[in-house]
Amino acid sequence: MAEFTHASRTDHHRQAMHRGLDEILQSAFDGAGIPWAVSEDRGDGKMIIMPPDFPRARMFEQLPTLLL
């Protein structure tokens, strides 16, 4: 997330940004029919661990347009 740690951001701003990111990601993954096994907060982003047997091609074909 751009300028996540900028001095003008409060904890309230960062929490709202995290909620927004979670909503966007969940909507996009659901829309593409892509499950995730685990997500981990990385401050200004997320690390998402996919199930090992999931076909990765589907992630690259559908997910980018759903994240726009």
N, C-alpha and C. Protein backbone atom coordinates (compact mmCIF):
# COMPACT_ATOMS: atom_id res chain seq x y z
N MET A 1 0.84 -1.16 0.00
CA MET A 1 0.00 0.00 0.00
C MET A 1 0.89 1.23 0.00
N ALA A 2 0.58 2.14 -0.88
CA ALA A 2 1.39 3.35 -1.03
C ALA A 2 1.35 4.20 0.24
N GLU A 3 2.50 4.64 0.66
CA GLU A 3 2.66 5.53 1.80
C GLU A 3 2.00 5.01 3.09
N PHE A 4 2.02 3.70 3.26
CA PHE A 4 1.41 3.09 4.44
C PHE A 4 2.02 3.61 5.73
N THR A 5 3.32 3.83 5.72
CA THR A 5 4.00 4.28 6.94
C THR A 5 4.24 5.78 6.97
N HIS A 6 3.61 6.51 6.08
CA HIS A 6 3.79 7.97 6.06
C HIS A 6 3.44 8.55 7.43
N ALA A 7 4.17 9.57 7.83
CA ALA A 7 4.00 10.17 9.16
C ALA A 7 2.59 10.70 9.40
N SER A 8 1.87 11.05 8.35
CA SER A 8 0.52 11.58 8.53
C SER A 8 -0.52 10.48 8.79
N ARG A 9 -0.15 9.22 8.60
CA ARG A 9 -1.09 8.11 8.82
C ARG A 9 -1.16 7.79 10.31
N THR A 10 -2.38 7.64 10.81
CA THR A 10 -2.57 7.22 12.20
C THR A 10 -2.85 5.72 12.22
N ASP A 11 -2.91 5.13 13.39
CA ASP A 11 -3.28 3.72 13.49
C ASP A 11 -4.67 3.49 12.89
N HIS A 12 -5.56 4.44 13.09
CA HIS A 12 -6.92 4.33 12.51
C HIS A 12 -6.84 4.25 10.98
N HIS A 13 -5.99 5.07 10.37
CA HIS A 13 -5.82 5.03 8.91
C HIS A 13 -5.29 3.66 8.47
N ARG A 14 -4.27 3.19 9.16
CA ARG A 14 -3.66 1.92 8.77
C ARG A 14 -4.63 0.76 8.95
N GLN A 15 -5.43 0.77 10.01
CA GLN A 15 -6.43 -0.28 10.20
C GLN A 15 -7.47 -0.26 9.08
N ALA A 16 -7.89 0.93 8.68
CA ALA A 16 -8.86 1.05 7.59
C ALA A 16 -8.24 0.55 6.28
N MET A 17 -6.96 0.84 6.07
CA MET A 17 -6.28 0.36 4.87
C MET A 17 -6.20 -1.16 4.86
N HIS A 18 -5.92 -1.76 6.01
CA HIS A 18 -5.88 -3.22 6.11
C HIS A 18 -7.24 -3.83 5.81
N ARG A 19 -8.29 -3.25 6.38
CA ARG A 19 -9.64 -3.77 6.11
C ARG A 19 -9.97 -3.68 4.63
N GLY A 20 -9.64 -2.55 4.02
CA GLY A 20 -9.90 -2.37 2.59
C GLY A 20 -9.14 -3.37 1.74
N LEU A 21 -7.87 -3.59 2.07
CA LEU A 21 -7.07 -4.56 1.34
C LEU A 21 -7.65 -5.96 1.48
N ASP A 22 -8.05 -6.33 2.70
CA ASP A 22 -8.66 -7.64 2.92
C ASP A 22 -9.93 -7.82 2.09
N GLU A 23 -10.77 -6.79 2.05
CA GLU A 23 -12.02 -6.86 1.28
C GLU A 23 -11.74 -7.01 -0.21
N ILE A 24 -10.80 -6.23 -0.73
CA ILE A 24 -10.46 -6.29 -2.15
C ILE A 24 -9.90 -7.67 -2.52
N LEU A 25 -8.97 -8.15 -1.72
CA LEU A 25 -8.37 -9.45 -1.99
C LEU A 25 -9.39 -10.57 -1.91
N GLN A 26 -10.21 -10.57 -0.87
CA GLN A 26 -11.19 -11.63 -0.71
C GLN A 26 -12.18 -11.64 -1.86
N SER A 27 -12.63 -10.46 -2.27
CA SER A 27 -13.56 -10.36 -3.39
C SER A 27 -12.93 -10.88 -4.69
N ALA A 28 -11.70 -10.49 -4.95
CA ALA A 28 -11.03 -10.92 -6.17
C ALA A 28 -10.77 -12.43 -6.17
N PHE A 29 -10.28 -12.95 -5.05
CA PHE A 29 -10.02 -14.39 -4.97
C PHE A 29 -11.32 -15.18 -5.09
N ASP A 30 -12.37 -14.72 -4.42
CA ASP A 30 -13.67 -15.40 -4.54
C ASP A 30 -14.17 -15.37 -5.98
N GLY A 31 -14.05 -14.20 -6.62
CA GLY A 31 -14.50 -14.05 -8.00
C GLY A 31 -13.78 -14.96 -8.97
N ALA A 32 -12.52 -15.23 -8.71
CA ALA A 32 -11.73 -16.11 -9.57
C ALA A 32 -11.83 -17.57 -9.12
N GLY A 33 -12.55 -17.82 -8.03
CA GLY A 33 -12.67 -19.19 -7.53
C GLY A 33 -11.35 -19.72 -6.99
N ILE A 34 -10.57 -18.84 -6.40
CA ILE A 34 -9.25 -19.22 -5.90
C ILE A 34 -9.26 -19.23 -4.37
N PRO A 35 -9.06 -20.40 -3.77
CA PRO A 35 -8.97 -20.45 -2.30
C PRO A 35 -7.56 -20.09 -1.86
N TRP A 36 -7.45 -19.66 -0.63
CA TRP A 36 -6.10 -19.55 -0.07
C TRP A 36 -6.08 -20.25 1.27
N ALA A 37 -4.95 -20.83 1.57
CA ALA A 37 -4.83 -21.62 2.79
C ALA A 37 -4.55 -20.72 3.98
N VAL A 38 -3.68 -19.74 3.80
CA VAL A 38 -3.24 -18.87 4.89
C VAL A 38 -2.92 -17.50 4.32
N SER A 39 -3.29 -16.46 5.06
CA SER A 39 -2.80 -15.13 4.68
C SER A 39 -2.13 -14.53 5.91
N GLU A 40 -1.05 -13.83 5.66
CA GLU A 40 -0.30 -13.24 6.76
C GLU A 40 -0.09 -11.76 6.48
N ASP A 41 -0.41 -10.95 7.46
CA ASP A 41 -0.22 -9.51 7.34
C ASP A 41 1.26 -9.20 7.28
N ARG A 42 1.65 -8.37 6.30
CA ARG A 42 3.04 -7.97 6.16
C ARG A 42 3.18 -6.45 6.28
N GLY A 43 2.30 -5.83 7.04
CA GLY A 43 2.35 -4.38 7.21
C GLY A 43 1.70 -3.68 6.05
N ASP A 44 2.45 -3.44 4.98
CA ASP A 44 1.89 -2.74 3.83
C ASP A 44 1.45 -3.69 2.73
N GLY A 45 1.27 -4.96 3.05
CA GLY A 45 0.82 -5.94 2.07
C GLY A 45 0.42 -7.24 2.75
N LYS A 46 0.21 -8.27 1.96
CA LYS A 46 -0.17 -9.59 2.47
C LYS A 46 0.69 -10.66 1.81
N MET A 47 0.96 -11.71 2.55
CA MET A 47 1.53 -12.91 1.97
C MET A 47 0.42 -13.94 1.99
N ILE A 48 0.11 -14.49 0.83
CA ILE A 48 -0.97 -15.46 0.72
C ILE A 48 -0.37 -16.79 0.30
N ILE A 49 -0.64 -17.82 1.08
CA ILE A 49 -0.13 -19.15 0.77
C ILE A 49 -1.27 -19.95 0.15
N MET A 50 -1.02 -20.42 -1.05
CA MET A 50 -2.02 -21.16 -1.80
C MET A 50 -1.92 -22.65 -1.49
N PRO A 51 -3.03 -23.39 -1.66
CA PRO A 51 -2.95 -24.84 -1.52
C PRO A 51 -1.95 -25.39 -2.55
N PRO A 52 -1.15 -26.38 -2.19
CA PRO A 52 -0.09 -26.85 -3.08
C PRO A 52 -0.57 -27.43 -4.40
N ASP A 53 -1.78 -27.96 -4.44
CA ASP A 53 -2.27 -28.59 -5.66
C ASP A 53 -3.12 -27.66 -6.53
N PHE A 54 -3.19 -26.39 -6.18
CA PHE A 54 -4.02 -25.45 -6.95
C PHE A 54 -3.32 -25.10 -8.26
N PRO A 55 -4.08 -25.13 -9.40
CA PRO A 55 -3.47 -24.78 -10.69
C PRO A 55 -3.13 -23.29 -10.75
N ARG A 56 -1.87 -22.97 -10.75
CA ARG A 56 -1.41 -21.58 -10.69
C ARG A 56 -1.83 -20.76 -11.92
N ALA A 57 -2.02 -21.39 -13.07
CA ALA A 57 -2.39 -20.66 -14.28
C ALA A 57 -3.68 -19.88 -14.07
N ARG A 58 -4.63 -20.44 -13.33
CA ARG A 58 -5.89 -19.74 -13.08
C ARG A 58 -5.66 -18.44 -12.33
N MET A 59 -4.69 -18.45 -11.44
CA MET A 59 -4.39 -17.25 -10.67
C MET A 59 -3.88 -16.14 -11.59
N PHE A 60 -3.05 -16.49 -12.56
CA PHE A 60 -2.46 -15.48 -13.44
C PHE A 60 -3.40 -15.05 -14.56
N GLU A 61 -4.38 -15.89 -14.89
CA GLU A 61 -5.32 -15.56 -15.97
C GLU A 61 -6.47 -14.69 -15.48
N GLN A 62 -6.98 -14.92 -14.29
CA GLN A 62 -8.20 -14.24 -13.83
C GLN A 62 -7.96 -13.19 -12.76
N LEU A 63 -7.08 -13.44 -11.85
CA LEU A 63 -6.92 -12.58 -10.68
C LEU A 63 -6.52 -11.14 -11.00
N PRO A 64 -5.57 -10.90 -11.91
CA PRO A 64 -5.16 -9.50 -12.14
C PRO A 64 -6.29 -8.57 -12.53
N THR A 65 -7.20 -9.01 -13.40
CA THR A 65 -8.29 -8.12 -13.81
C THR A 65 -9.29 -7.89 -12.68
N LEU A 66 -9.42 -8.84 -11.78
CA LEU A 66 -10.34 -8.69 -10.65
C LEU A 66 -9.76 -7.77 -9.56
N LEU A 67 -8.48 -7.53 -9.61
CA LEU A 67 -7.85 -6.66 -8.62
C LEU A 67 -7.83 -5.19 -9.05
N LEU A 68 -8.23 -4.91 -10.27
CA LEU A 68 -8.21 -3.53 -10.77
C LEU A 68 -9.26 -2.68 -10.12
